[in-house]
N, C-alpha and C. Protein backbone atom coordinates (compact mmCIF):
# COMPACT_ATOMS: atom_id res chain seq x y z
N MET A 1 0.70 -1.33 -0.02
CA MET A 1 -0.26 -0.10 0.10
C MET A 1 0.86 1.40 -0.50
N ARG A 2 0.72 2.18 -0.53
CA ARG A 2 1.40 3.66 -1.03
C ARG A 2 1.10 4.30 -0.08
N ILE A 3 2.27 5.04 0.39
CA ILE A 3 1.89 6.04 1.60
C ILE A 3 0.65 6.99 1.80
N GLY A 4 0.25 7.51 0.85
CA GLY A 4 -0.94 8.00 0.50
C GLY A 4 -2.22 7.32 1.20
N GLU A 5 -2.13 6.36 0.89
CA GLU A 5 -3.39 5.20 1.18
C GLU A 5 -3.19 5.08 2.76
N LEU A 6 -2.15 4.69 3.05
CA LEU A 6 -1.77 4.50 4.51
C LEU A 6 -2.22 5.52 5.23
N ALA A 7 -1.48 7.00 5.04
CA ALA A 7 -2.20 8.27 5.65
C ALA A 7 -3.20 8.44 6.13
N LYS A 8 -4.31 8.10 4.52
CA LYS A 8 -5.64 8.17 4.83
C LYS A 8 -6.16 7.20 5.97
N ILE A 9 -5.90 6.19 5.55
CA ILE A 9 -6.42 5.02 6.74
C ILE A 9 -6.07 5.03 8.27
N SER A 10 -5.18 5.18 8.14
CA SER A 10 -3.91 6.07 9.85
C SER A 10 -4.46 7.40 10.68
N GLY A 11 -4.88 7.99 9.05
CA GLY A 11 -5.15 9.30 9.49
C GLY A 11 -3.85 10.13 10.47
N LEU A 12 -3.02 9.75 9.71
CA LEU A 12 -1.81 10.10 9.92
C LEU A 12 -1.31 10.93 8.52
N ALA A 13 -0.27 12.08 8.85
CA ALA A 13 0.27 13.09 7.37
C ALA A 13 1.63 11.95 6.88
N PRO A 14 1.69 11.77 6.12
CA PRO A 14 2.38 10.82 5.51
C PRO A 14 4.12 11.69 5.95
N SER A 15 4.36 12.58 6.08
CA SER A 15 5.67 13.55 6.35
C SER A 15 5.99 12.36 8.74
N ARG A 16 4.47 12.40 9.16
CA ARG A 16 5.07 11.66 10.41
C ARG A 16 5.40 9.77 10.17
N ILE A 17 4.22 9.16 9.03
CA ILE A 17 5.16 7.59 8.42
C ILE A 17 5.87 7.97 8.41
N ARG A 18 6.93 8.65 7.25
CA ARG A 18 8.06 8.49 7.24
C ARG A 18 9.24 8.71 8.27
N PHE A 19 8.58 9.71 9.36
CA PHE A 19 9.38 9.52 10.20
C PHE A 19 9.33 8.72 11.15
N TYR A 20 8.15 7.93 11.22
CA TYR A 20 8.26 6.73 12.49
C TYR A 20 9.15 5.88 11.42
N GLU A 21 9.31 5.86 9.75
CA GLU A 21 10.22 4.69 9.62
C GLU A 21 11.35 5.18 9.76
N ALA A 22 11.83 6.71 9.37
CA ALA A 22 12.94 6.60 9.47
C ALA A 22 13.70 6.84 11.10
N SER A 23 12.92 6.23 11.67
CA SER A 23 13.15 6.17 13.67
C SER A 23 13.51 4.52 13.71
N GLY A 24 12.91 4.00 12.91
CA GLY A 24 12.94 2.31 13.30
C GLY A 24 12.01 1.97 13.43
N LEU A 25 10.74 2.83 13.63
CA LEU A 25 9.35 2.10 14.73
C LEU A 25 8.95 1.02 13.27
N ILE A 26 9.06 1.71 12.57
CA ILE A 26 7.96 1.20 11.31
C ILE A 26 9.10 0.23 10.23
N LYS A 27 9.41 -1.03 9.94
CA LYS A 27 9.96 -1.14 8.94
C LYS A 27 9.77 -0.45 7.66
N SER A 28 11.45 -0.49 7.09
CA SER A 28 11.89 0.23 6.00
C SER A 28 11.34 -0.65 4.87
N VAL A 29 10.56 0.21 3.68
CA VAL A 29 10.59 -0.14 2.92
C VAL A 29 10.74 0.55 1.58
N ALA A 30 10.96 -1.26 0.89
CA ALA A 30 12.16 -0.95 -0.39
C ALA A 30 11.17 -0.09 -1.47
N ARG A 31 11.72 0.85 -2.09
CA ARG A 31 10.53 1.47 -3.56
C ARG A 31 10.51 0.93 -4.12
N LYS A 32 9.43 1.05 -4.99
CA LYS A 32 9.47 0.55 -5.99
C LYS A 32 9.82 0.70 -7.76
N ALA A 33 9.77 0.68 -8.64
CA ALA A 33 10.38 1.14 -10.12
C ALA A 33 10.31 2.52 -9.90
N ASN A 34 8.84 2.93 -9.71
CA ASN A 34 8.49 4.23 -10.02
C ASN A 34 8.62 4.85 -8.63
N GLY A 35 9.30 4.64 -7.50
CA GLY A 35 10.20 5.26 -6.39
C GLY A 35 9.39 5.64 -5.52
N TYR A 36 8.05 4.99 -5.76
CA TYR A 36 6.76 4.76 -4.17
C TYR A 36 6.94 3.97 -3.19
N ARG A 37 6.63 4.06 -2.22
CA ARG A 37 7.41 2.80 -0.79
C ARG A 37 5.65 2.20 -0.99
N ASP A 38 6.01 0.88 -0.95
CA ASP A 38 4.88 -0.22 -0.53
C ASP A 38 4.84 -0.61 0.70
N TYR A 39 4.43 -0.30 1.44
CA TYR A 39 3.93 -0.40 2.96
C TYR A 39 3.04 -1.79 3.21
N ALA A 40 3.44 -2.81 4.01
CA ALA A 40 3.17 -3.91 3.95
C ALA A 40 1.17 -3.47 5.06
N PRO A 41 0.46 -3.93 4.71
CA PRO A 41 -0.97 -4.03 5.38
C PRO A 41 -0.73 -4.09 6.96
N ASP A 42 -0.17 -5.34 7.54
CA ASP A 42 0.25 -4.78 8.88
C ASP A 42 0.87 -3.38 9.56
N THR A 43 1.38 -3.10 8.67
CA THR A 43 1.45 -1.42 8.91
C THR A 43 0.51 -0.74 9.52
N GLU A 44 -0.30 -0.78 9.31
CA GLU A 44 -1.69 0.00 9.65
C GLU A 44 -1.83 -0.75 11.17
N TRP A 45 -1.78 -1.54 11.58
CA TRP A 45 -2.15 -1.81 13.19
C TRP A 45 -0.86 -1.32 13.67
N VAL A 46 0.12 -1.51 13.14
CA VAL A 46 1.54 -1.01 14.16
C VAL A 46 1.69 0.39 14.07
N LEU A 47 0.82 1.23 12.95
CA LEU A 47 1.15 2.59 13.46
C LEU A 47 -0.07 3.06 14.12
N GLU A 48 -1.03 1.93 14.51
CA GLU A 48 -2.57 2.31 15.87
C GLU A 48 -1.23 2.45 16.89
N ILE A 49 -0.72 1.41 17.07
CA ILE A 49 -0.15 0.56 18.75
C ILE A 49 0.96 1.74 18.52
N ILE A 50 1.59 2.38 17.66
CA ILE A 50 2.58 3.30 17.87
C ILE A 50 1.79 4.52 18.38
N THR A 51 1.00 5.13 18.27
CA THR A 51 -0.02 6.05 18.57
C THR A 51 -0.44 5.67 20.02
N GLY A 52 -1.35 4.56 19.74
CA GLY A 52 -1.52 4.72 21.02
C GLY A 52 -1.17 5.03 22.01
N ALA A 53 0.19 4.30 22.17
CA ALA A 53 1.56 4.19 22.91
C ALA A 53 1.75 5.79 23.54
N GLN A 54 1.69 6.62 22.21
CA GLN A 54 1.99 7.48 22.62
C GLN A 54 1.38 8.35 23.73
N ALA A 55 0.06 8.35 23.17
CA ALA A 55 -1.22 9.05 23.43
C ALA A 55 -1.55 8.58 25.45
N ALA A 56 -1.10 7.33 25.76
CA ALA A 56 -0.54 6.58 27.07
C ALA A 56 0.33 7.02 27.74
N GLY A 57 1.68 7.80 26.99
CA GLY A 57 2.42 8.32 27.36
C GLY A 57 4.01 7.90 27.26
N PHE A 58 3.79 6.97 26.39
CA PHE A 58 5.22 6.41 26.48
C PHE A 58 6.21 7.47 25.51
N SER A 59 7.45 7.55 25.56
CA SER A 59 8.17 7.96 24.59
C SER A 59 8.64 6.92 23.16
N LEU A 60 9.14 8.08 22.21
CA LEU A 60 9.27 7.06 21.49
C LEU A 60 10.34 5.94 21.38
N GLU A 61 11.58 6.34 22.01
CA GLU A 61 12.39 5.28 22.74
C GLU A 61 11.54 4.18 22.99
N GLU A 62 10.89 4.35 24.07
CA GLU A 62 10.10 3.44 25.09
C GLU A 62 9.71 2.83 24.43
N ILE A 63 9.00 2.94 22.85
CA ILE A 63 8.20 2.49 21.91
C ILE A 63 9.42 1.39 21.66
N ARG A 64 9.98 1.83 20.78
CA ARG A 64 11.26 1.34 19.96
C ARG A 64 11.64 0.14 20.73
N GLN A 65 12.02 0.31 22.13
CA GLN A 65 12.29 -0.37 22.64
C GLN A 65 11.50 -1.71 22.94
N LEU A 66 9.88 -1.39 23.36
CA LEU A 66 8.85 -2.56 23.28
C LEU A 66 8.24 -3.51 22.24
N MET A 67 8.36 -2.68 20.83
CA MET A 67 8.20 -2.85 19.45
C MET A 67 8.74 -4.18 18.78
N PRO A 68 8.20 -5.27 18.79
CA PRO A 68 8.76 -6.17 17.70
C PRO A 68 8.99 -5.69 16.83
N MET A 69 9.70 -6.16 15.68
CA MET A 69 10.15 -6.02 13.95
C MET A 69 9.06 -6.46 13.51
N ASN A 70 8.55 -7.55 14.03
CA ASN A 70 7.26 -8.06 12.99
C ASN A 70 6.42 -8.39 14.47
N ALA A 71 5.42 -9.57 13.95
CA ALA A 71 3.98 -9.71 14.08
C ALA A 71 4.25 -10.68 15.47
N ASN A 72 5.09 -11.65 14.89
CA ASN A 72 4.95 -13.10 15.94
C ASN A 72 6.60 -12.59 16.79
N GLY A 73 6.99 -11.25 16.99
CA GLY A 73 8.49 -10.92 17.50
C GLY A 73 7.94 -10.25 19.26
N TRP A 74 6.88 -10.41 20.18
CA TRP A 74 6.76 -9.87 20.88
C TRP A 74 7.60 -10.14 21.77
N ARG A 75 7.57 -9.36 22.36
CA ARG A 75 8.80 -10.27 23.77
C ARG A 75 7.98 -9.49 25.08
N HIS A 76 7.17 -11.23 25.69
CA HIS A 76 6.71 -10.90 26.95
C HIS A 76 6.59 -10.35 27.79
N ASP A 77 7.79 -10.80 28.55
CA ASP A 77 8.21 -9.84 29.73
C ASP A 77 8.82 -8.72 30.05
N GLU A 78 9.11 -8.25 28.35
CA GLU A 78 9.74 -7.10 28.52
C GLU A 78 8.55 -5.93 28.28
N LEU A 79 7.49 -6.54 27.36
CA LEU A 79 6.19 -6.05 27.01
C LEU A 79 5.53 -5.73 28.51
N LEU A 80 5.32 -6.64 29.34
CA LEU A 80 4.99 -6.42 29.91
C LEU A 80 5.65 -5.75 31.67
N GLY A 81 6.79 -5.52 31.43
CA GLY A 81 7.46 -4.97 32.56
C GLY A 81 7.34 -3.77 31.97
N GLY A 82 7.36 -3.03 30.88
CA GLY A 82 7.19 -2.02 30.21
C GLY A 82 5.94 -1.12 30.58
N LEU A 83 4.89 -2.25 30.35
CA LEU A 83 3.61 -1.84 30.67
C LEU A 83 3.18 -1.19 32.22
N LYS A 84 4.09 -2.49 33.16
CA LYS A 84 3.86 -2.26 34.49
C LYS A 84 4.62 -0.81 34.69
N GLN A 85 5.83 -0.41 34.62
CA GLN A 85 6.27 1.03 34.74
C GLN A 85 5.37 2.02 34.47
N LYS A 86 4.79 1.84 33.15
CA LYS A 86 4.30 3.39 32.46
C LYS A 86 3.04 3.37 33.86
N VAL A 87 2.41 2.13 34.23
CA VAL A 87 1.36 2.61 35.09
C VAL A 87 1.71 3.01 36.15
N GLU A 88 2.96 2.77 37.02
CA GLU A 88 3.20 3.13 37.68
C GLU A 88 3.95 4.47 38.11
N GLU A 89 4.42 5.27 36.26
CA GLU A 89 4.76 6.38 36.23
C GLU A 89 3.27 7.47 36.34
N ILE A 90 2.52 6.78 36.23
CA ILE A 90 0.90 7.39 36.00
C ILE A 90 0.34 7.87 37.02
N GLU A 91 0.41 6.93 38.14
CA GLU A 91 0.13 6.67 39.42
C GLU A 91 1.05 7.94 40.26
N VAL A 92 2.32 8.25 40.35
CA VAL A 92 3.29 9.06 40.66
C VAL A 92 2.33 10.58 40.20
N LEU A 93 2.23 10.90 38.65
CA LEU A 93 2.01 11.97 38.09
C LEU A 93 0.39 12.12 38.55
N GLN A 94 -0.54 11.31 38.84
CA GLN A 94 -2.09 11.53 39.49
C GLN A 94 -1.44 12.51 40.60
N GLN A 95 -1.14 11.33 41.88
CA GLN A 95 -0.35 11.89 43.03
C GLN A 95 0.39 13.27 43.00
N ARG A 96 0.77 13.62 42.04
CA ARG A 96 1.56 15.06 42.13
C ARG A 96 -0.10 16.08 41.44
N LEU A 97 -0.93 15.49 40.69
CA LEU A 97 -1.39 16.17 40.33
C LEU A 97 -2.90 16.78 41.37
N ALA A 98 -3.47 15.69 42.10
CA ALA A 98 -3.79 15.42 42.93
C ALA A 98 -3.82 16.92 43.90
N GLN A 99 -2.33 16.45 44.42
CA GLN A 99 -1.38 17.41 45.27
C GLN A 99 -1.51 19.02 44.69
N ASN A 100 -1.23 19.29 43.35
CA ASN A 100 -1.39 20.52 42.68
C ASN A 100 -3.34 20.80 42.79
N LYS A 101 -3.94 20.32 42.20
CA LYS A 101 -5.49 20.39 42.62
C LYS A 101 -5.49 21.00 43.95
N ALA A 102 -5.23 20.22 45.17
CA ALA A 102 -5.36 20.34 46.58
C ALA A 102 -4.77 21.60 46.79
N GLN A 103 -3.97 22.65 46.26
CA GLN A 103 -3.39 23.70 46.39
C GLN A 103 -3.92 24.78 45.39
N LEU A 104 -4.35 24.45 44.39
CA LEU A 104 -5.10 25.08 44.10
C LEU A 104 -6.68 25.40 44.46
N LEU A 105 -6.95 24.55 45.06
CA LEU A 105 -8.73 24.48 45.41
C LEU A 105 -8.50 25.54 46.92
N LEU A 106 -7.47 25.21 47.42
CA LEU A 106 -7.14 26.21 48.09
C LEU A 106 -6.96 27.74 48.32
N VAL A 107 -6.48 27.78 47.15
CA VAL A 107 -5.42 29.37 46.94
C VAL A 107 -7.32 30.16 46.30
N ILE A 108 -7.74 29.42 45.99
CA ILE A 108 -9.07 29.48 45.56
C ILE A 108 -10.21 29.64 46.44
N GLU A 109 -9.94 29.07 47.44
CA GLU A 109 -10.74 29.28 49.06
C GLU A 109 -10.41 30.18 49.40
N GLY A 110 -9.05 30.62 49.73
CA GLY A 110 -8.75 31.54 50.52
C GLY A 110 -8.97 33.32 50.05
N ILE A 111 -8.93 33.24 48.06
CA ILE A 111 -8.98 34.26 47.76
C ILE A 111 -11.14 34.48 48.27
N GLU A 112 -11.53 33.67 47.75
CA GLU A 112 -12.80 33.80 48.35
C GLU A 112 -13.57 33.73 49.27
N GLY A 113 -12.73 33.36 50.12
CA GLY A 113 -13.07 34.01 51.73
C GLY A 113 -12.16 35.07 52.13
N LYS A 114 -11.60 35.79 51.16
CA LYS A 114 -10.75 37.00 52.13
C LYS A 114 -11.42 37.64 53.08
N PRO A 115 -11.13 38.08 54.20
CA PRO A 115 -11.70 38.82 55.15
C PRO A 115 -12.42 40.23 54.51
N GLU A 116 -13.62 41.00 55.16
CA GLU A 116 -13.57 41.70 54.36
C GLU A 116 -12.78 42.98 55.40
N GLY A 117 -11.92 43.21 54.92
CA GLY A 117 -11.03 44.48 55.11
C GLY A 117 -9.76 44.56 54.67
N MET A 118 -9.54 43.16 54.71
CA MET A 118 -8.17 42.57 55.16
C MET A 118 -7.56 43.05 53.18
N ALA A 119 -6.29 43.72 53.35
CA ALA A 119 -5.71 43.98 52.15
C ALA A 119 -5.70 42.44 51.62
N CYS A 120 -5.49 42.85 49.86
CA CYS A 120 -5.38 41.69 48.98
C CYS A 120 -3.69 41.32 49.30
N ALA A 121 -2.75 42.28 49.57
CA ALA A 121 -1.23 41.74 49.73
C ALA A 121 -0.91 40.75 51.30
N ASP A 122 -2.17 41.24 52.53
CA ASP A 122 -2.06 40.57 53.04
C ASP A 122 -2.62 38.95 53.20
N ASN A 123 -3.67 39.16 52.49
CA ASN A 123 -4.48 38.05 52.14
C ASN A 123 -3.57 37.14 50.92
N ALA A 124 -2.59 37.39 50.78
CA ALA A 124 -2.07 36.61 49.95
C ALA A 124 -1.09 36.42 50.45
N GLN A 125 -0.32 36.94 51.40
CA GLN A 125 1.04 36.50 52.49
C GLN A 125 0.39 35.32 53.51
N MET A 126 -1.03 35.79 53.54
CA MET A 126 -1.64 34.22 54.38
C MET A 126 -1.92 32.83 53.64
N LEU A 127 -1.89 33.03 52.55
CA LEU A 127 -2.52 32.08 51.43
C LEU A 127 -0.79 31.21 51.59
N ILE A 128 0.21 32.13 51.20
CA ILE A 128 1.81 31.95 50.59
C ILE A 128 1.83 30.69 52.55
N ASN A 129 1.69 31.94 53.18
CA ASN A 129 1.90 30.78 54.84
C ASN A 129 0.98 29.31 54.76
N ARG A 130 0.02 29.43 54.12
CA ARG A 130 -1.17 28.42 54.43
C ARG A 130 -0.32 27.29 53.46
N LEU A 131 0.11 27.59 52.72
CA LEU A 131 1.02 26.58 51.11
C LEU A 131 2.09 26.10 51.94
N ARG A 132 2.54 26.93 52.73
CA ARG A 132 4.14 26.61 52.97
C ARG A 132 3.82 25.57 54.70
N GLU A 133 2.80 25.83 55.35
CA GLU A 133 2.34 24.83 56.27
C GLU A 133 1.92 23.57 55.86
N ASP A 134 0.84 23.60 54.25
CA ASP A 134 0.42 22.22 54.26
C ASP A 134 1.60 21.59 53.42
N ALA A 135 2.45 22.32 52.24
CA ALA A 135 4.02 21.50 51.69
C ALA A 135 4.82 20.45 52.63
N VAL A 136 4.45 20.75 54.41
CA VAL A 136 5.43 20.40 54.96
C VAL A 136 4.64 18.79 55.33
N VAL A 137 3.50 18.54 55.21
CA VAL A 137 3.09 17.41 55.88
C VAL A 137 2.78 16.91 54.57
N PRO A 138 3.07 15.50 54.49
CA PRO A 138 3.39 14.30 53.77
C PRO A 138 1.71 14.09 52.95
N ALA A 139 1.57 13.97 51.58
CA ALA A 139 0.76 13.62 51.29
C ALA A 139 -0.34 12.43 51.38
N SER A 140 -0.04 11.91 52.44
CA SER A 140 -0.82 10.53 53.13
C SER A 140 -2.34 10.98 53.34
N GLY A 141 -2.76 11.89 52.99
CA GLY A 141 -4.38 12.50 53.58
C GLY A 141 -4.20 12.99 54.29
N LYS A 142 -3.15 13.61 55.13
CA LYS A 142 -2.97 14.31 56.26
C LYS A 142 -2.97 16.01 55.83
N ARG A 143 -2.68 16.16 54.73
CA ARG A 143 -3.05 17.38 53.71
C ARG A 143 -3.97 17.73 53.92
N ALA A 144 -5.32 17.00 53.55
CA ALA A 144 -6.44 17.14 53.67
C ALA A 144 -6.73 17.87 54.82
N ALA A 145 -6.56 16.72 55.79
CA ALA A 145 -7.04 17.01 57.57
C ALA A 145 -6.73 18.32 57.59
N GLY A 146 -5.08 19.01 57.14
CA GLY A 146 -4.57 20.25 57.40
C GLY A 146 -6.15 21.27 56.79
N ALA A 147 -5.96 21.39 55.80
CA ALA A 147 -6.82 21.90 54.90
C ALA A 147 -8.13 22.03 55.37
N ALA A 148 -8.54 21.38 56.02
CA ALA A 148 -9.76 21.19 57.21
C ALA A 148 -9.88 21.79 58.48
N ARG A 149 -8.84 21.99 59.05
CA ARG A 149 -8.34 22.28 60.36
C ARG A 149 -8.33 23.82 59.63
N THR A 150 -7.52 24.29 58.56
CA THR A 150 -7.46 25.25 58.54
C THR A 150 -8.37 26.41 58.25
N LYS A 151 -9.93 24.94 57.36
CA LYS A 151 -10.96 25.90 56.82
C LYS A 151 -11.29 26.34 58.28
N ASN A 152 -11.82 25.26 59.09
CA ASN A 152 -12.64 25.28 60.35
C ASN A 152 -12.25 25.89 61.28
N ALA A 153 -10.56 26.70 61.40
CA ALA A 153 -10.15 27.80 62.23
C ALA A 153 -10.93 29.37 61.55
N ARG A 154 -10.26 29.40 60.21
CA ARG A 154 -10.89 30.47 59.26
C ARG A 154 -12.72 30.89 59.65
N GLN A 155 -13.37 29.44 59.72
CA GLN A 155 -14.81 29.74 60.21
C GLN A 155 -14.67 29.90 61.41
N ALA A 156 -14.29 29.60 62.34
CA ALA A 156 -14.75 30.27 64.31
C ALA A 156 -13.86 31.23 63.93
N SER A 157 -12.73 32.11 63.25
CA SER A 157 -12.04 33.42 63.19
C SER A 157 -13.35 33.95 62.63
N ARG A 158 -14.28 34.14 61.78
CA ARG A 158 -15.10 34.74 61.34
C ARG A 158 -16.42 34.73 62.07
N ALA A 159 -16.78 33.89 62.94
CA ALA A 159 -18.13 33.78 63.63
C ALA A 159 -18.03 34.90 64.67
């Protein structure tokens, strides 16, 4: 199949397909007498695997290490190890994102709950101090408890 047809089927630009070929992610193909590349039918599913792996967070180098050169060449243990490693990386990223979200929600709450008459600069300093206090606490759920204590203390001071 020619590159234009493969591009249409896969939804990828021809330049991207050529890049994957030059990178060793898909088999290099010999050119026909007319100069066109002639890709094997299984190239479509290889491109799907590559784009799916990229969407899951795999780098091209990681994909290159895990991809077989042919459909029968899967290295089961290496593939399984690579997939499990990526899941661990995603879990770490999710924890970091949850911490970032908690901090942002605390800032939003602090800005929305600024005491009447308090200068913005003073409120900002109070928020910075609160974030510093929370950053010292490990992310094992104590951060949420710290935020709840801060919220309760703030509500009590308003009453």
